[in-house]
C-alpha atoms as a PDB file:
ATOM      1  CA  UNK A   1     104.889  64.694 143.062  1.00  0.00           C
ATOM      2  CA  UNK A   2     102.264  62.435 144.620  1.00  0.00           C
ATOM      3  CA  UNK A   3     103.311  59.251 146.139  1.00  0.00           C
ATOM      4  CA  UNK A   4     100.571  56.945 144.642  1.00  0.00           C
ATOM      5  CA  UNK A   5      99.274  54.371 146.890  1.00  0.00           C
ATOM      6  CA  UNK A   6     100.847  55.630 150.209  1.00  0.00           C
ATOM      7  CA  UNK A   7      97.684  57.336 151.462  1.00  0.00           C
ATOM      8  CA  UNK A   8      95.485  54.630 150.154  1.00  0.00           C
ATOM      9  CA  UNK A   9      97.324  51.895 151.959  1.00  0.00           C
ATOM     10  CA  UNK A  10      96.592  53.726 155.307  1.00  0.00           C
ATOM     11  CA  UNK A  11      92.977  54.364 154.487  1.00  0.00           C
ATOM     12  CA  UNK A  12      92.128  50.882 153.313  1.00  0.00           C
ATOM     13  CA  UNK A  13      93.923  49.451 156.358  1.00  0.00           C
ATOM     14  CA  UNK A  14      91.758  51.796 158.457  1.00  0.00           C
ATOM     15  CA  UNK A  15      94.204  52.413 160.883  1.00  0.00           C
ATOM     16  CA  UNK A  16      96.784  54.948 162.065  1.00  0.00           C
ATOM     17  CA  UNK A  17     100.362  53.902 161.892  1.00  0.00           C
ATOM     18  CA  UNK A  18     102.134  54.594 165.066  1.00  0.00           C
ATOM     19  CA  UNK A  19     105.632  56.160 165.289  1.00  0.00           C
ATOM     20  CA  UNK A  20     108.232  53.552 164.591  1.00  0.00           C
ATOM     21  CA  UNK A  21     111.691  52.960 166.490  1.00  0.00           C
ATOM     22  CA  UNK A  22     114.757  53.566 164.534  1.00  0.00           C
ATOM     23  CA  UNK A  23     115.707  50.556 162.137  1.00  0.00           C
ATOM     24  CA  UNK A  24     118.231  48.156 163.318  1.00  0.00           C
ATOM     25  CA  UNK A  25     122.079  48.742 162.624  1.00  0.00           C
ATOM     26  CA  UNK A  26     122.400  46.561 159.464  1.00  0.00           C
ATOM     27  CA  UNK A  27     119.501  48.148 157.829  1.00  0.00           C
ATOM     28  CA  UNK A  28     120.081  51.593 158.957  1.00  0.00           C
ATOM     29  CA  UNK A  29     123.607  51.454 157.616  1.00  0.00           C
ATOM     30  CA  UNK A  30     122.232  50.273 154.143  1.00  0.00           C
ATOM     31  CA  UNK A  31     119.603  53.080 153.978  1.00  0.00           C
ATOM     32  CA  UNK A  32     122.179  55.637 155.320  1.00  0.00           C
ATOM     33  CA  UNK A  33     124.346  54.808 152.392  1.00  0.00           C
ATOM     34  CA  UNK A  34     121.578  55.860 150.117  1.00  0.00           C
ATOM     35  CA  UNK A  35     120.678  59.099 152.113  1.00  0.00           C
ATOM     36  CA  UNK A  36     117.660  57.644 153.741  1.00  0.00           C
ATOM     37  CA  UNK A  37     118.714  56.817 157.261  1.00  0.00           C
ATOM     38  CA  UNK A  38     116.870  59.444 158.992  1.00  0.00           C
ATOM     39  CA  UNK A  39     113.611  58.463 157.353  1.00  0.00           C
ATOM     40  CA  UNK A  40     110.686  56.701 158.970  1.00  0.00           C
ATOM     41  CA  UNK A  41     109.782  53.712 156.887  1.00  0.00           C
ATOM     42  CA  UNK A  42     106.049  52.575 157.168  1.00  0.00           C
ATOM     43  CA  UNK A  43     107.148  49.351 155.578  1.00  0.00           C
ATOM     44  CA  UNK A  44     108.760  48.166 158.708  1.00  0.00           C
ATOM     45  CA  UNK A  45     105.173  47.699 160.216  1.00  0.00           C
ATOM     46  CA  UNK A  46     104.384  44.731 158.005  1.00  0.00           C
ATOM     47  CA  UNK A  47     107.771  43.305 157.644  1.00  0.00           C
ATOM     48  CA  UNK A  48     109.719  43.697 160.973  1.00  0.00           C
ATOM     49  CA  UNK A  49     111.653  40.412 160.791  1.00  0.00           C
ATOM     50  CA  UNK A  50     113.008  40.700 157.238  1.00  0.00           C
ATOM     51  CA  UNK A  51     115.009  43.929 157.751  1.00  0.00           C
ATOM     52  CA  UNK A  52     117.719  41.886 159.496  1.00  0.00           C
ATOM     53  CA  UNK A  53     117.943  39.209 156.857  1.00  0.00           C
ATOM     54  CA  UNK A  54     120.948  38.773 154.676  1.00  0.00           C
ATOM     55  CA  UNK A  55     119.289  40.243 151.477  1.00  0.00           C
ATOM     56  CA  UNK A  56     118.167  43.493 153.226  1.00  0.00           C
ATOM     57  CA  UNK A  57     121.822  44.138 154.322  1.00  0.00           C
ATOM     58  CA  UNK A  58     123.158  44.844 150.854  1.00  0.00           C
ATOM     59  CA  UNK A  59     122.004  46.463 147.690  1.00  0.00           C
ATOM     60  CA  UNK A  60     123.795  44.314 145.058  1.00  0.00           C
ATOM     61  CA  UNK A  61     124.420  45.415 141.436  1.00  0.00           C
ATOM     62  CA  UNK A  62     121.128  44.147 140.216  1.00  0.00           C
ATOM     63  CA  UNK A  63     119.053  46.136 142.799  1.00  0.00           C
ATOM     64  CA  UNK A  64     121.162  49.106 142.248  1.00  0.00           C
ATOM     65  CA  UNK A  65     120.564  48.996 138.535  1.00  0.00           C
ATOM     66  CA  UNK A  66     116.781  48.513 139.365  1.00  0.00           C
ATOM     67  CA  UNK A  67     116.878  51.685 141.350  1.00  0.00           C
ATOM     68  CA  UNK A  68     118.818  53.672 138.610  1.00  0.00           C
ATOM     69  CA  UNK A  69     116.243  52.588 135.997  1.00  0.00           C
ATOM     70  CA  UNK A  70     113.335  54.067 137.844  1.00  0.00           C
ATOM     71  CA  UNK A  71     114.853  57.444 136.904  1.00  0.00           C
ATOM     72  CA  UNK A  72     114.349  58.759 140.537  1.00  0.00           C
ATOM     73  CA  UNK A  73     116.983  61.216 141.683  1.00  0.00           C
ATOM     74  CA  UNK A  74     118.295  61.145 145.112  1.00  0.00           C
ATOM     75  CA  UNK A  75     117.043  64.658 145.697  1.00  0.00           C
ATOM     76  CA  UNK A  76     113.494  63.581 145.088  1.00  0.00           C
ATOM     77  CA  UNK A  77     111.106  62.970 147.968  1.00  0.00           C
ATOM     78  CA  UNK A  78     110.358  59.480 146.305  1.00  0.00           C
ATOM     79  CA  UNK A  79     113.783  58.204 146.568  1.00  0.00           C
ATOM     80  CA  UNK A  80     113.708  56.946 150.019  1.00  0.00           C
ATOM     81  CA  UNK A  81     110.547  54.851 149.205  1.00  0.00           C
ATOM     82  CA  UNK A  82     112.126  53.375 146.010  1.00  0.00           C
ATOM     83  CA  UNK A  83     115.371  52.490 147.879  1.00  0.00           C
ATOM     84  CA  UNK A  84     113.409  50.896 150.755  1.00  0.00           C
ATOM     85  CA  UNK A  85     111.073  48.786 148.783  1.00  0.00           C
ATOM     86  CA  UNK A  86     113.820  47.507 146.516  1.00  0.00           C
ATOM     87  CA  UNK A  87     116.064  46.829 149.407  1.00  0.00           C
ATOM     88  CA  UNK A  88     113.615  44.573 151.159  1.00  0.00           C
ATOM     89  CA  UNK A  89     112.324  42.872 147.954  1.00  0.00           C
ATOM     90  CA  UNK A  90     113.887  39.658 146.509  1.00  0.00           C
ATOM     91  CA  UNK A  91     115.250  40.054 142.924  1.00  0.00           C
ATOM     92  CA  UNK A  92     113.089  37.194 141.815  1.00  0.00           C
ATOM     93  CA  UNK A  93     110.047  38.952 143.166  1.00  0.00           C
ATOM     94  CA  UNK A  94     110.880  42.187 141.298  1.00  0.00           C
ATOM     95  CA  UNK A  95     111.345  40.268 138.174  1.00  0.00           C
ATOM     96  CA  UNK A  96     108.024  38.459 138.448  1.00  0.00           C
ATOM     97  CA  UNK A  97     106.284  41.868 139.049  1.00  0.00           C
ATOM     98  CA  UNK A  98     108.061  43.327 135.771  1.00  0.00           C
ATOM     99  CA  UNK A  99     106.883  40.165 133.876  1.00  0.00           C
ATOM    100  CA  UNK A 100     103.348  40.643 135.068  1.00  0.00           C
ATOM    101  CA  UNK A 101     103.245  44.191 133.471  1.00  0.00           C
ATOM    102  CA  UNK A 102     105.140  43.124 130.202  1.00  0.00           C
ATOM    103  CA  UNK A 103     102.246  40.743 129.431  1.00  0.00           C
ATOM    104  CA  UNK A 104     100.212  43.953 128.807  1.00  0.00           C
ATOM    105  CA  UNK A 105     102.692  45.408 126.312  1.00  0.00           C
ATOM    106  CA  UNK A 106     104.860  47.588 128.699  1.00  0.00           C
ATOM    107  CA  UNK A 107     108.608  47.792 127.887  1.00  0.00           C
ATOM    108  CA  UNK A 108     110.968  47.303 130.805  1.00  0.00           C
ATOM    109  CA  UNK A 109     111.844  51.046 130.705  1.00  0.00           C
ATOM    110  CA  UNK A 110     108.154  52.006 130.987  1.00  0.00           C
ATOM    111  CA  UNK A 111     107.837  49.547 134.000  1.00  0.00           C
ATOM    112  CA  UNK A 112     110.676  50.629 135.978  1.00  0.00           C
ATOM    113  CA  UNK A 113     109.585  54.328 135.174  1.00  0.00           C
ATOM    114  CA  UNK A 114     106.152  53.473 136.668  1.00  0.00           C
ATOM    115  CA  UNK A 115     107.773  51.869 139.807  1.00  0.00           C
ATOM    116  CA  UNK A 116     109.564  55.102 140.317  1.00  0.00           C
ATOM    117  CA  UNK A 117     106.483  57.181 140.227  1.00  0.00           C
ATOM    118  CA  UNK A 118     104.479  54.635 142.300  1.00  0.00           C
ATOM    119  CA  UNK A 119     106.935  52.328 144.169  1.00  0.00           C
ATOM    120  CA  UNK A 120     104.214  50.746 146.204  1.00  0.00           C
ATOM    121  CA  UNK A 121     103.229  48.900 143.028  1.00  0.00           C
ATOM    122  CA  UNK A 122     105.835  46.342 144.088  1.00  0.00           C
ATOM    123  CA  UNK A 123     103.927  45.607 147.158  1.00  0.00           C
ATOM    124  CA  UNK A 124     100.802  44.315 145.068  1.00  0.00           C
ATOM    125  CA  UNK A 125     100.183  40.956 144.177  1.00  0.00           C
ATOM    126  CA  UNK A 126     100.597  39.650 140.714  1.00  0.00           C
ATOM    127  CA  UNK A 127      96.865  38.631 140.838  1.00  0.00           C
ATOM    128  CA  UNK A 128      95.803  42.017 141.671  1.00  0.00           C
ATOM    129  CA  UNK A 129      97.687  43.642 138.782  1.00  0.00           C
ATOM    130  CA  UNK A 130      96.424  41.133 136.393  1.00  0.00           C
ATOM    131  CA  UNK A 131      92.754  41.712 137.460  1.00  0.00           C
ATOM    132  CA  UNK A 132      92.873  45.350 137.480  1.00  0.00           C
ATOM    133  CA  UNK A 133      94.513  45.612 134.284  1.00  0.00           C
ATOM    134  CA  UNK A 134      92.191  42.988 132.648  1.00  0.00           C
ATOM    135  CA  UNK A 135      89.320  45.209 133.708  1.00  0.00           C
ATOM    136  CA  UNK A 136      90.918  48.454 132.466  1.00  0.00           C
ATOM    137  CA  UNK A 137      91.644  46.986 128.986  1.00  0.00           C
ATOM    138  CA  UNK A 138      88.681  44.636 128.521  1.00  0.00           C
ATOM    139  CA  UNK A 139      85.805  46.366 130.339  1.00  0.00           C
ATOM    140  CA  UNK A 140      86.711  50.055 130.528  1.00  0.00           C
ATOM    141  CA  UNK A 141      88.137  49.925 127.102  1.00  0.00           C
ATOM    142  CA  UNK A 142      91.185  52.167 127.972  1.00  0.00           C
ATOM    143  CA  UNK A 143      94.611  51.873 126.623  1.00  0.00           C
ATOM    144  CA  UNK A 144      97.097  50.208 128.691  1.00  0.00           C
ATOM    145  CA  UNK A 145      99.258  53.271 128.563  1.00  0.00           C
ATOM    146  CA  UNK A 146      96.743  55.184 130.673  1.00  0.00           C
ATOM    147  CA  UNK A 147      98.067  53.421 133.959  1.00  0.00           C
ATOM    148  CA  UNK A 148     101.351  55.020 133.393  1.00  0.00           C
ATOM    149  CA  UNK A 149      99.650  58.418 134.123  1.00  0.00           C
ATOM    150  CA  UNK A 150      97.231  57.051 136.431  1.00  0.00           C
ATOM    151  CA  UNK A 151      98.527  54.176 138.702  1.00  0.00           C
ATOM    152  CA  UNK A 152      95.519  54.403 140.792  1.00  0.00           C
ATOM    153  CA  UNK A 153      93.835  52.212 138.345  1.00  0.00           C
ATOM    154  CA  UNK A 154      95.946  49.518 139.598  1.00  0.00           C
ATOM    155  CA  UNK A 155      95.962  50.383 143.214  1.00  0.00           C
ATOM    156  CA  UNK A 156      92.182  50.834 143.476  1.00  0.00           C
ATOM    157  CA  UNK A 157      89.953  48.216 144.891  1.00  0.00           C
ATOM    158  CA  UNK A 158      88.407  46.611 141.853  1.00  0.00           C
ATOM    159  CA  UNK A 159      85.324  44.972 143.345  1.00  0.00           C
ATOM    160  CA  UNK A 160      84.519  47.770 145.833  1.00  0.00           C
ATOM    161  CA  UNK A 161      85.537  50.873 143.998  1.00  0.00           C
ATOM    162  CA  UNK A 162      86.551  50.761 140.335  1.00  0.00           C
ATOM    163  CA  UNK A 163      83.773  48.331 138.992  1.00  0.00           C
ATOM    164  CA  UNK A 164      80.818  49.881 140.807  1.00  0.00           C
ATOM    165  CA  UNK A 165      81.710  53.398 139.864  1.00  0.00           C
ATOM    166  CA  UNK A 166      82.472  52.442 136.294  1.00  0.00           C
ATOM    167  CA  UNK A 167      79.169  50.403 135.904  1.00  0.00           C
ATOM    168  CA  UNK A 168      77.157  53.293 137.554  1.00  0.00           C
ATOM    169  CA  UNK A 169      78.737  55.534 134.786  1.00  0.00           C
ATOM    170  CA  UNK A 170      77.223  53.304 132.364  1.00  0.00           C
ATOM    171  CA  UNK A 171      73.781  53.492 133.962  1.00  0.00           C
ATOM    172  CA  UNK A 172      73.946  57.225 133.910  1.00  0.00           C
ATOM    173  CA  UNK A 173      74.848  57.178 130.180  1.00  0.00           C
ATOM    174  CA  UNK A 174      71.918  54.836 129.454  1.00  0.00           C
ATOM    175  CA  UNK A 175      69.539  57.182 131.429  1.00  0.00           C
ATOM    176  CA  UNK A 176      70.776  60.153 129.455  1.00  0.00           C
ATOM    177  CA  UNK A 177      71.250  62.241 132.485  1.00  0.00           C
ATOM    178  CA  UNK A 178      74.113  64.732 133.539  1.00  0.00           C
ATOM    179  CA  UNK A 179      76.725  64.797 134.662  1.00  0.00           C
ATOM    180  CA  UNK A 180      78.181  61.585 133.143  1.00  0.00           C
ATOM    181  CA  UNK A 181      81.152  59.775 134.238  1.00  0.00           C
ATOM    182  CA  UNK A 182      83.344  59.644 131.233  1.00  0.00           C
ATOM    183  CA  UNK A 183      86.873  60.430 130.105  1.00  0.00           C
ATOM    184  CA  UNK A 184      88.664  62.677 132.597  1.00  0.00           C
ATOM    185  CA  UNK A 185      85.632  62.729 135.027  1.00  0.00           C
ATOM    186  CA  UNK A 186      85.914  58.873 135.255  1.00  0.00           C
ATOM    187  CA  UNK A 187      89.557  58.911 136.325  1.00  0.00           C
ATOM    188  CA  UNK A 188      88.792  61.814 138.659  1.00  0.00           C
ATOM    189  CA  UNK A 189      85.987  59.910 140.235  1.00  0.00           C
ATOM    190  CA  UNK A 190      88.273  57.088 141.335  1.00  0.00           C
ATOM    191  CA  UNK A 191      89.939  59.475 143.704  1.00  0.00           C
ATOM    192  CA  UNK A 192      86.931  60.545 145.398  1.00  0.00           C
ATOM    193  CA  UNK A 193      85.567  59.327 148.587  1.00  0.00           C
ATOM    194  CA  UNK A 194      82.219  57.373 148.251  1.00  0.00           C
ATOM    195  CA  UNK A 195      80.475  60.374 149.997  1.00  0.00           C
ATOM    196  CA  UNK A 196      81.907  62.903 147.579  1.00  0.00           C
ATOM    197  CA  UNK A 197      81.142  60.616 144.632  1.00  0.00           C
ATOM    198  CA  UNK A 198      77.428  60.355 145.561  1.00  0.00           C
ATOM    199  CA  UNK A 199      77.301  64.180 145.946  1.00  0.00           C
ATOM    200  CA  UNK A 200      78.683  64.832 142.582  1.00  0.00           C
ATOM    201  CA  UNK A 201      77.080  62.206 140.471  1.00  0.00           C
ATOM    202  CA  UNK A 202      73.986  60.812 142.344  1.00  0.00           C
ATOM    203  CA  UNK A 203      72.568  63.345 144.795  1.00  0.00           C
ATOM    204  CA  UNK A 204      72.557  66.032 142.123  1.00  0.00           C
ATOM    205  CA  UNK A 205      69.529  64.393 140.486  1.00  0.00           C
ATOM    206  CA  UNK A 206      65.751  64.418 141.350  1.00  0.00           C
ATOM    207  CA  UNK A 207      64.982  62.055 144.168  1.00  0.00           C
ATOM    208  CA  UNK A 208      63.448  59.316 141.861  1.00  0.00           C
ATOM    209  CA  UNK A 209      66.501  59.212 139.695  1.00  0.00           C
ATOM    210  CA  UNK A 210      68.841  59.398 142.660  1.00  0.00           C
ATOM    211  CA  UNK A 211      67.068  56.452 144.354  1.00  0.00           C
ATOM    212  CA  UNK A 212      67.257  54.361 141.028  1.00  0.00           C
ATOM    213  CA  UNK A 213      70.946  55.152 140.752  1.00  0.00           C
ATOM    214  CA  UNK A 214      71.756  54.409 144.403  1.00  0.00           C
ATOM    215  CA  UNK A 215      69.841  51.125 144.193  1.00  0.00           C
ATOM    216  CA  UNK A 216      71.820  50.156 141.035  1.00  0.00           C
ATOM    217  CA  UNK A 217      75.239  51.095 142.744  1.00  0.00           C
ATOM    218  CA  UNK A 218      74.411  49.105 145.740  1.00  0.00           C
ATOM    219  CA  UNK A 219      73.494  46.064 143.452  1.00  0.00           C
ATOM    220  CA  UNK A 220      77.128  46.328 141.696  1.00  0.00           C
ATOM    221  CA  UNK A 221      78.753  46.536 145.128  1.00  0.00           C
ATOM    222  CA  UNK A 222      77.291  43.013 145.972  1.00  0.00           C
ATOM    223  CA  UNK A 223      78.641  41.299 142.711  1.00  0.00           C
ATOM    224  CA  UNK A 224      81.597  39.238 143.562  1.00  0.00           C
ATOM    225  CA  UNK A 225      83.913  37.104 141.740  1.00  0.00           C
ATOM    226  CA  UNK A 226      83.061  33.413 141.458  1.00  0.00           C
ATOM    227  CA  UNK A 227      83.887  31.540 144.646  1.00  0.00           C
ATOM    228  CA  UNK A 228      85.005  34.730 146.221  1.00  0.00           C
ATOM    229  CA  UNK A 229      83.155  34.267 149.500  1.00  0.00           C
ATOM    230  CA  UNK A 230      84.971  30.944 150.062  1.00  0.00           C
ATOM    231  CA  UNK A 231      88.373  32.308 149.132  1.00  0.00           C
ATOM    232  CA  UNK A 232      90.696  32.050 152.112  1.00  0.00           C
ATOM    233  CA  UNK A 233      92.842  34.969 152.911  1.00  0.00           C
ATOM    234  CA  UNK A 234      96.257  33.328 152.802  1.00  0.00           C
ATOM    235  CA  UNK A 235      98.791  35.943 153.452  1.00  0.00           C
ATOM    236  CA  UNK A 236     102.282  34.694 152.455  1.00  0.00           C
ATOM    237  CA  UNK A 237     104.185  37.686 154.220  1.00  0.00           C
ATOM    238  CA  UNK A 238     107.509  38.634 152.683  1.00  0.00           C
ATOM    239  CA  UNK A 239     108.292  38.393 149.938  1.00  0.00           C
ATOM    240  CA  UNK A 240     105.500  40.409 148.294  1.00  0.00           C
END
């Protein structure tokens, strides 16, 4: 089973994560009790101070119930990620993330099942989830349930990837050329690198058509949300 988002975090960060030292004793005991103590956790790179805090030293009944509701078995390769992220997350933060998905019609069981398949969803801001889901429903006209199968729709960079590719698909449809970016090919295209995407959907056309499509694509990449250039990058750190 693929760990949705783990690879994309490293790629978007444009850096190699160096080997990490073993986690400190309190956190090591916690993770060891859940069969995870020998595992390297990339999450410590971003949150090195929190792993010694009181909340990270125990998995209370509420957090254990969260983990149970994901449906991930201890034998699963995903289990270590699920345990780690819930362990360093505040209960209030998890509940806020659950609430943000409930607004789009998901049940709690569906949400925790989604966290089990894509645990790094818990590291995304509520704002990102809201914007991506709104685009999926309002612009792409997809059913909300599609993200249960394709969490990449939430992880994907909306302004830099999802929106430009989707709008280019509409342009290709208007021009009546093939291949078109619809249905399964649309979801598949979001997993492509930009170079691969151009090769499949742009460079395959005659030069005049390819040039027109490329010009349109570049235009969509320059479209930004209102006031985004002046938006300050305020990183709160932990909790997510």
